[in-house]
N, C-alpha and C. Protein backbone atom coordinates (compact mmCIF):
# COMPACT_ATOMS: atom_id res chain seq x y z
N UNK A 1 25.10 -80.12 34.33
CA UNK A 1 23.92 -79.43 33.88
C UNK A 1 24.31 -78.51 32.73
N UNK A 2 23.52 -78.52 31.68
CA UNK A 2 23.84 -77.70 30.52
C UNK A 2 23.59 -76.22 30.83
N UNK A 3 24.18 -75.36 30.02
CA UNK A 3 24.04 -73.92 30.19
C UNK A 3 22.58 -73.50 30.07
N UNK A 4 21.84 -74.07 29.11
CA UNK A 4 20.43 -73.71 28.94
C UNK A 4 19.59 -74.11 30.15
N UNK A 5 19.82 -75.30 30.70
CA UNK A 5 19.07 -75.72 31.88
C UNK A 5 19.42 -74.86 33.09
N UNK A 6 20.69 -74.49 33.21
CA UNK A 6 21.10 -73.62 34.31
C UNK A 6 20.40 -72.26 34.22
N UNK A 7 20.32 -71.73 32.99
CA UNK A 7 19.65 -70.45 32.81
C UNK A 7 18.15 -70.56 33.08
N UNK A 8 17.54 -71.65 32.66
CA UNK A 8 16.10 -71.83 32.93
C UNK A 8 15.83 -71.86 34.44
N UNK A 9 16.64 -72.60 35.18
CA UNK A 9 16.47 -72.66 36.63
C UNK A 9 16.72 -71.31 37.28
N UNK A 10 17.73 -70.60 36.80
CA UNK A 10 18.05 -69.28 37.34
C UNK A 10 16.89 -68.30 37.07
N UNK A 11 16.35 -68.31 35.86
CA UNK A 11 15.24 -67.42 35.54
C UNK A 11 13.99 -67.79 36.31
N UNK A 12 13.75 -69.08 36.50
CA UNK A 12 12.61 -69.52 37.30
C UNK A 12 12.76 -69.05 38.74
N UNK A 13 13.98 -69.15 39.27
CA UNK A 13 14.25 -68.67 40.63
C UNK A 13 14.00 -67.17 40.73
N UNK A 14 14.47 -66.40 39.75
CA UNK A 14 14.24 -64.95 39.77
C UNK A 14 12.75 -64.62 39.68
N UNK A 15 12.02 -65.34 38.83
CA UNK A 15 10.59 -65.12 38.68
C UNK A 15 9.87 -65.39 40.00
N UNK A 16 10.15 -66.52 40.64
CA UNK A 16 9.52 -66.84 41.92
C UNK A 16 9.86 -65.83 42.99
N UNK A 17 11.11 -65.40 43.01
CA UNK A 17 11.54 -64.42 43.99
C UNK A 17 10.76 -63.11 43.84
N UNK A 18 10.62 -62.63 42.61
CA UNK A 18 9.92 -61.37 42.38
C UNK A 18 8.40 -61.51 42.54
N UNK A 19 7.84 -62.62 42.10
CA UNK A 19 6.41 -62.84 42.32
C UNK A 19 6.10 -62.94 43.81
N UNK A 20 6.95 -63.64 44.54
CA UNK A 20 6.75 -63.75 45.99
C UNK A 20 6.84 -62.41 46.68
N UNK A 21 7.81 -61.60 46.27
CA UNK A 21 7.95 -60.27 46.87
C UNK A 21 6.75 -59.39 46.54
N UNK A 22 6.29 -59.45 45.29
CA UNK A 22 5.11 -58.65 44.91
C UNK A 22 3.87 -59.13 45.65
N UNK A 23 3.69 -60.44 45.76
CA UNK A 23 2.53 -60.98 46.47
C UNK A 23 2.58 -60.63 47.95
N UNK A 24 3.78 -60.67 48.54
CA UNK A 24 3.91 -60.34 49.95
C UNK A 24 3.52 -58.89 50.21
N UNK A 25 3.94 -57.99 49.34
CA UNK A 25 3.58 -56.58 49.50
C UNK A 25 2.08 -56.39 49.25
N UNK A 26 1.54 -57.05 48.24
CA UNK A 26 0.13 -56.89 47.89
C UNK A 26 -0.79 -57.41 49.00
N UNK A 27 -0.43 -58.55 49.56
CA UNK A 27 -1.31 -59.19 50.55
C UNK A 27 -0.99 -58.80 51.99
N UNK A 28 -0.07 -57.89 52.21
CA UNK A 28 0.28 -57.48 53.57
C UNK A 28 -0.74 -56.46 54.06
N UNK A 29 -1.64 -56.95 54.90
CA UNK A 29 -2.65 -56.06 55.47
C UNK A 29 -2.69 -56.17 56.98
N UNK A 30 -2.08 -57.21 57.54
CA UNK A 30 -2.09 -57.38 58.99
C UNK A 30 -0.68 -57.13 59.52
N UNK A 31 -0.61 -56.87 60.81
CA UNK A 31 0.68 -56.59 61.43
C UNK A 31 1.61 -57.79 61.37
N UNK A 32 1.10 -59.02 61.54
CA UNK A 32 1.97 -60.18 61.52
C UNK A 32 2.52 -60.44 60.12
N UNK A 33 1.77 -60.06 59.08
CA UNK A 33 2.29 -60.18 57.72
C UNK A 33 3.44 -59.21 57.50
N UNK A 34 3.32 -58.03 58.04
CA UNK A 34 4.39 -57.05 57.91
C UNK A 34 5.65 -57.53 58.63
N UNK A 35 5.47 -58.16 59.78
CA UNK A 35 6.61 -58.72 60.51
C UNK A 35 7.26 -59.81 59.67
N UNK A 36 6.45 -60.67 59.03
CA UNK A 36 6.98 -61.72 58.18
C UNK A 36 7.74 -61.13 57.00
N UNK A 37 7.19 -60.09 56.39
CA UNK A 37 7.83 -59.44 55.25
C UNK A 37 9.18 -58.83 55.66
N UNK A 38 9.21 -58.15 56.79
CA UNK A 38 10.46 -57.55 57.26
C UNK A 38 11.46 -58.65 57.62
N UNK A 39 10.99 -59.72 58.23
CA UNK A 39 11.87 -60.83 58.58
C UNK A 39 12.46 -61.51 57.36
N UNK A 40 11.64 -61.74 56.34
CA UNK A 40 12.16 -62.39 55.14
C UNK A 40 13.12 -61.47 54.38
N UNK A 41 12.85 -60.17 54.36
CA UNK A 41 13.77 -59.22 53.72
C UNK A 41 15.09 -59.17 54.48
N UNK A 42 15.01 -59.22 55.80
CA UNK A 42 16.23 -59.23 56.61
C UNK A 42 17.03 -60.50 56.36
N UNK A 43 16.38 -61.65 56.25
CA UNK A 43 17.06 -62.91 55.98
C UNK A 43 17.72 -62.87 54.60
N UNK A 44 17.03 -62.31 53.61
CA UNK A 44 17.60 -62.19 52.27
C UNK A 44 18.86 -61.33 52.30
N UNK A 45 18.80 -60.18 52.97
CA UNK A 45 19.96 -59.30 53.06
C UNK A 45 21.10 -59.97 53.82
N UNK A 46 20.75 -60.69 54.89
CA UNK A 46 21.76 -61.42 55.66
C UNK A 46 22.48 -62.43 54.77
N UNK A 47 21.71 -63.21 53.99
CA UNK A 47 22.32 -64.20 53.11
C UNK A 47 23.19 -63.55 52.05
N UNK A 48 22.71 -62.47 51.45
CA UNK A 48 23.47 -61.83 50.38
C UNK A 48 24.73 -61.15 50.92
N UNK A 49 24.61 -60.43 52.02
CA UNK A 49 25.79 -59.74 52.57
C UNK A 49 26.80 -60.71 53.14
N UNK A 50 26.32 -61.60 54.01
CA UNK A 50 27.25 -62.53 54.64
C UNK A 50 27.71 -63.61 53.65
N UNK A 51 26.77 -64.19 52.91
CA UNK A 51 27.12 -65.27 52.00
C UNK A 51 27.81 -64.79 50.74
N UNK A 52 27.29 -63.74 50.13
CA UNK A 52 27.86 -63.25 48.88
C UNK A 52 29.09 -62.40 49.08
N UNK A 53 28.94 -61.33 49.85
CA UNK A 53 30.04 -60.37 50.01
C UNK A 53 31.17 -60.88 50.90
N UNK A 54 30.81 -61.36 52.08
CA UNK A 54 31.86 -61.74 53.03
C UNK A 54 32.43 -63.12 52.71
N UNK A 55 31.56 -64.13 52.54
CA UNK A 55 32.05 -65.50 52.34
C UNK A 55 32.65 -65.70 50.95
N UNK A 56 31.81 -65.58 49.92
CA UNK A 56 32.28 -65.88 48.56
C UNK A 56 33.32 -64.88 48.08
N UNK A 57 33.06 -63.60 48.26
CA UNK A 57 33.94 -62.59 47.69
C UNK A 57 35.20 -62.36 48.54
N UNK A 58 35.01 -61.91 49.76
CA UNK A 58 36.16 -61.53 50.58
C UNK A 58 36.98 -62.73 51.06
N UNK A 59 36.31 -63.75 51.60
CA UNK A 59 37.07 -64.86 52.20
C UNK A 59 37.59 -65.85 51.17
N UNK A 60 36.70 -66.39 50.32
CA UNK A 60 37.12 -67.45 49.42
C UNK A 60 37.80 -66.94 48.15
N UNK A 61 37.40 -65.79 47.64
CA UNK A 61 38.03 -65.28 46.42
C UNK A 61 39.34 -64.54 46.70
N UNK A 62 39.32 -63.67 47.69
CA UNK A 62 40.48 -62.81 47.94
C UNK A 62 41.28 -63.16 49.18
N UNK A 63 40.80 -64.10 49.99
CA UNK A 63 41.46 -64.48 51.24
C UNK A 63 41.80 -63.24 52.08
N UNK A 64 40.82 -62.35 52.22
CA UNK A 64 41.02 -61.10 52.96
C UNK A 64 41.16 -61.32 54.45
N UNK A 65 40.68 -62.43 54.95
CA UNK A 65 40.79 -62.73 56.37
C UNK A 65 40.82 -64.24 56.55
N UNK A 66 41.28 -64.65 57.71
CA UNK A 66 41.28 -66.09 58.02
C UNK A 66 40.34 -66.31 59.19
N UNK A 67 39.88 -67.54 59.31
CA UNK A 67 38.94 -67.87 60.37
C UNK A 67 39.13 -69.33 60.75
N UNK A 68 38.46 -69.73 61.80
CA UNK A 68 38.56 -71.11 62.26
C UNK A 68 37.79 -72.07 61.37
N UNK A 69 37.97 -73.35 61.61
CA UNK A 69 37.36 -74.39 60.77
C UNK A 69 35.84 -74.35 60.84
N UNK A 70 35.27 -74.18 62.04
CA UNK A 70 33.81 -74.16 62.17
C UNK A 70 33.22 -72.96 61.43
N UNK A 71 33.81 -71.78 61.61
CA UNK A 71 33.31 -70.58 60.93
C UNK A 71 33.46 -70.69 59.42
N UNK A 72 34.54 -71.33 58.97
CA UNK A 72 34.73 -71.49 57.53
C UNK A 72 33.65 -72.42 56.94
N UNK A 73 33.30 -73.48 57.65
CA UNK A 73 32.22 -74.36 57.19
C UNK A 73 30.90 -73.61 57.16
N UNK A 74 30.67 -72.77 58.18
CA UNK A 74 29.46 -71.94 58.20
C UNK A 74 29.44 -71.00 57.00
N UNK A 75 30.58 -70.39 56.67
CA UNK A 75 30.64 -69.50 55.51
C UNK A 75 30.41 -70.26 54.20
N UNK A 76 30.86 -71.49 54.11
CA UNK A 76 30.62 -72.30 52.92
C UNK A 76 29.12 -72.54 52.75
N UNK A 77 28.45 -72.90 53.84
CA UNK A 77 27.00 -73.16 53.77
C UNK A 77 26.26 -71.88 53.40
N UNK A 78 26.55 -70.78 54.08
CA UNK A 78 25.87 -69.50 53.80
C UNK A 78 26.17 -69.05 52.37
N UNK A 79 27.41 -69.21 51.92
CA UNK A 79 27.77 -68.80 50.56
C UNK A 79 27.01 -69.59 49.50
N UNK A 80 26.77 -70.86 49.75
CA UNK A 80 26.05 -71.68 48.78
C UNK A 80 24.54 -71.47 48.85
N UNK A 81 24.03 -70.88 49.94
CA UNK A 81 22.60 -70.57 50.05
C UNK A 81 22.21 -69.29 49.32
N UNK A 82 23.16 -68.54 48.81
CA UNK A 82 22.86 -67.27 48.14
C UNK A 82 22.25 -67.44 46.76
N UNK A 83 22.26 -68.67 46.23
CA UNK A 83 21.77 -68.96 44.88
C UNK A 83 22.60 -68.26 43.81
N UNK A 84 23.88 -68.05 44.09
CA UNK A 84 24.79 -67.45 43.12
C UNK A 84 25.66 -68.50 42.45
N UNK A 85 25.45 -69.75 42.76
CA UNK A 85 26.26 -70.84 42.25
C UNK A 85 27.05 -71.46 43.38
N UNK A 86 27.66 -72.59 43.10
CA UNK A 86 28.48 -73.23 44.14
C UNK A 86 29.69 -72.35 44.43
N UNK A 87 30.27 -72.54 45.60
CA UNK A 87 31.41 -71.71 45.98
C UNK A 87 32.58 -71.89 45.02
N UNK A 88 32.79 -73.11 44.52
CA UNK A 88 33.88 -73.34 43.56
C UNK A 88 33.60 -72.60 42.26
N UNK A 89 32.37 -72.69 41.75
CA UNK A 89 32.02 -72.02 40.50
C UNK A 89 32.10 -70.50 40.65
N UNK A 90 31.62 -69.97 41.77
CA UNK A 90 31.61 -68.53 41.96
C UNK A 90 33.04 -67.99 42.05
N UNK A 91 33.87 -68.64 42.85
CA UNK A 91 35.24 -68.17 43.03
C UNK A 91 36.01 -68.29 41.72
N UNK A 92 35.79 -69.38 40.98
CA UNK A 92 36.47 -69.56 39.69
C UNK A 92 36.08 -68.44 38.72
N UNK A 93 34.80 -68.13 38.65
CA UNK A 93 34.33 -67.07 37.76
C UNK A 93 34.89 -65.72 38.20
N UNK A 94 34.92 -65.47 39.50
CA UNK A 94 35.41 -64.19 39.99
C UNK A 94 36.91 -64.02 39.73
N UNK A 95 37.67 -65.08 39.92
CA UNK A 95 39.12 -65.00 39.64
C UNK A 95 39.37 -64.82 38.14
N UNK A 96 38.56 -65.47 37.30
CA UNK A 96 38.67 -65.29 35.85
C UNK A 96 38.37 -63.84 35.50
N UNK A 97 37.36 -63.28 36.13
CA UNK A 97 36.98 -61.88 35.90
C UNK A 97 38.14 -60.95 36.26
N UNK A 98 38.80 -61.18 37.37
CA UNK A 98 39.92 -60.32 37.76
C UNK A 98 41.12 -60.48 36.83
N UNK A 99 41.35 -61.67 36.34
CA UNK A 99 42.48 -61.89 35.41
C UNK A 99 42.27 -61.18 34.08
N UNK A 100 41.00 -61.08 33.64
CA UNK A 100 40.70 -60.53 32.32
C UNK A 100 39.76 -59.33 32.41
N UNK A 101 39.87 -58.53 33.47
CA UNK A 101 38.93 -57.44 33.72
C UNK A 101 38.82 -56.50 32.53
N UNK A 102 37.59 -56.29 32.09
CA UNK A 102 37.22 -55.36 31.03
C UNK A 102 37.90 -55.65 29.69
N UNK A 103 38.34 -56.87 29.49
CA UNK A 103 38.83 -57.29 28.19
C UNK A 103 37.74 -58.12 27.52
N UNK A 104 37.94 -58.46 26.26
CA UNK A 104 36.94 -59.25 25.54
C UNK A 104 36.75 -60.62 26.19
N UNK A 105 37.79 -61.20 26.77
CA UNK A 105 37.68 -62.52 27.39
C UNK A 105 37.07 -62.48 28.79
N UNK A 106 36.79 -61.28 29.32
CA UNK A 106 36.13 -61.18 30.62
C UNK A 106 34.72 -61.76 30.49
N UNK A 107 34.40 -62.70 31.39
CA UNK A 107 33.14 -63.44 31.25
C UNK A 107 31.91 -62.59 31.52
N UNK A 108 32.02 -61.54 32.31
CA UNK A 108 30.84 -60.70 32.56
C UNK A 108 31.20 -59.23 32.69
N UNK A 109 31.90 -58.72 31.69
CA UNK A 109 32.26 -57.31 31.68
C UNK A 109 31.09 -56.47 31.17
N UNK A 110 30.75 -55.39 31.86
CA UNK A 110 29.68 -54.52 31.37
C UNK A 110 30.09 -53.75 30.11
N UNK A 111 31.38 -53.78 29.75
CA UNK A 111 31.83 -53.11 28.53
C UNK A 111 31.53 -53.94 27.29
N UNK A 112 31.29 -55.24 27.48
CA UNK A 112 31.04 -56.12 26.34
C UNK A 112 29.64 -56.75 26.37
N UNK A 113 28.99 -56.71 27.51
CA UNK A 113 27.64 -57.25 27.65
C UNK A 113 26.76 -56.19 28.28
N UNK A 114 25.48 -56.21 27.99
CA UNK A 114 24.57 -55.26 28.63
C UNK A 114 24.32 -55.69 30.07
N UNK A 115 23.91 -54.75 30.88
CA UNK A 115 23.61 -55.06 32.28
C UNK A 115 22.48 -56.08 32.39
N UNK A 116 21.51 -56.02 31.49
CA UNK A 116 20.40 -56.97 31.49
C UNK A 116 20.90 -58.39 31.26
N UNK A 117 21.79 -58.57 30.29
CA UNK A 117 22.32 -59.90 30.01
C UNK A 117 23.13 -60.42 31.19
N UNK A 118 23.89 -59.55 31.84
CA UNK A 118 24.68 -59.98 32.98
C UNK A 118 23.77 -60.39 34.12
N UNK A 119 22.77 -59.57 34.45
CA UNK A 119 21.86 -59.88 35.55
C UNK A 119 21.02 -61.12 35.30
N UNK A 120 20.69 -61.40 34.04
CA UNK A 120 19.89 -62.58 33.71
C UNK A 120 20.74 -63.82 33.45
N UNK A 121 22.04 -63.71 33.61
CA UNK A 121 22.90 -64.88 33.51
C UNK A 121 23.38 -65.23 32.13
N UNK A 122 23.18 -64.35 31.16
CA UNK A 122 23.62 -64.62 29.79
C UNK A 122 25.08 -64.20 29.59
N UNK A 123 25.95 -64.74 30.37
CA UNK A 123 27.38 -64.49 30.22
C UNK A 123 28.08 -65.83 30.21
N UNK A 124 29.27 -65.83 29.70
CA UNK A 124 30.00 -67.08 29.52
C UNK A 124 30.87 -67.37 30.73
N UNK A 125 30.48 -68.37 31.49
CA UNK A 125 31.29 -68.78 32.63
C UNK A 125 32.55 -69.46 32.12
N UNK A 126 33.66 -69.26 32.79
CA UNK A 126 34.88 -69.93 32.35
C UNK A 126 34.72 -71.45 32.44
N UNK A 127 35.17 -72.15 31.41
CA UNK A 127 35.01 -73.60 31.36
C UNK A 127 36.07 -74.33 32.18
N UNK A 128 37.25 -73.75 32.30
CA UNK A 128 38.34 -74.40 33.00
C UNK A 128 38.47 -73.81 34.40
N UNK A 129 38.47 -74.68 35.40
CA UNK A 129 38.66 -74.21 36.77
C UNK A 129 40.12 -73.85 36.96
N UNK A 130 40.37 -72.69 37.47
CA UNK A 130 41.73 -72.17 37.62
C UNK A 130 42.55 -73.02 38.59
N UNK A 131 43.83 -73.11 38.30
CA UNK A 131 44.74 -73.83 39.19
C UNK A 131 44.90 -73.11 40.53
N UNK A 132 44.57 -71.81 40.56
CA UNK A 132 44.66 -71.09 41.83
C UNK A 132 43.60 -71.54 42.82
N UNK A 133 42.64 -72.34 42.34
CA UNK A 133 41.59 -72.86 43.22
C UNK A 133 41.96 -74.21 43.82
N UNK A 134 43.14 -74.70 43.55
CA UNK A 134 43.53 -76.03 44.01
C UNK A 134 43.26 -76.22 45.52
N UNK A 135 43.67 -75.29 46.41
CA UNK A 135 43.36 -75.51 47.84
C UNK A 135 41.86 -75.54 48.10
N UNK A 136 41.11 -74.73 47.38
CA UNK A 136 39.66 -74.69 47.56
C UNK A 136 39.02 -75.98 47.08
N UNK A 137 39.44 -76.49 45.95
CA UNK A 137 38.86 -77.71 45.40
C UNK A 137 39.16 -78.93 46.26
N UNK A 138 40.28 -78.92 46.97
CA UNK A 138 40.64 -80.06 47.80
C UNK A 138 39.81 -80.14 49.09
N UNK A 139 39.14 -79.07 49.41
CA UNK A 139 38.36 -79.05 50.64
C UNK A 139 37.02 -79.74 50.39
N UNK A 140 36.74 -80.81 51.12
CA UNK A 140 35.59 -81.67 50.80
C UNK A 140 34.24 -80.98 50.95
N UNK A 141 34.10 -79.95 51.77
CA UNK A 141 32.83 -79.25 51.88
C UNK A 141 32.51 -78.50 50.59
N UNK A 142 33.51 -77.85 50.02
CA UNK A 142 33.32 -77.16 48.74
C UNK A 142 32.94 -78.16 47.66
N UNK A 143 33.61 -79.28 47.63
CA UNK A 143 33.32 -80.30 46.62
C UNK A 143 31.92 -80.86 46.77
N UNK A 144 31.47 -81.06 48.00
CA UNK A 144 30.11 -81.56 48.22
C UNK A 144 29.08 -80.59 47.65
N UNK A 145 29.21 -79.31 48.00
CA UNK A 145 28.24 -78.32 47.52
C UNK A 145 28.35 -78.11 46.01
N UNK A 146 29.55 -78.21 45.47
CA UNK A 146 29.72 -78.08 44.03
C UNK A 146 29.04 -79.23 43.29
N UNK A 147 29.17 -80.42 43.82
CA UNK A 147 28.57 -81.60 43.18
C UNK A 147 27.05 -81.56 43.27
N UNK A 148 26.51 -81.16 44.39
CA UNK A 148 25.06 -81.23 44.61
C UNK A 148 24.36 -79.89 44.46
N UNK A 149 25.04 -78.87 43.97
CA UNK A 149 24.41 -77.54 43.87
C UNK A 149 23.20 -77.59 42.96
């Protein structure tokens, strides 16, 4: 998928997410709607914290902890549901960021790009997947989600 198509899909996803949140708040007049709103906000936070922070960042990027095979597959699924990119792409970008932190070659440094450009996806993802991802790339679950993301 080209960079422009990826950005269009990302912006469309952000637009739907914000329109849905605004509509949910606007149309919440009954108790069951409020329960739905709280439930969906809780699910969003669950996906972002568990999928983004714990799975993609701590486990796959930094190997801060180890876990069993079933839990690792669960973390792969949750990490790919965050809409932050496939686990291979996210970990590759994060490792590139750490290698070149706050330098010109850093793909999403706030010192070289505005916060708006970073949040809207206008940053340059590394084109070459790092060799440090070799164990991650060999794992067929990561490859499946990377191919079909």
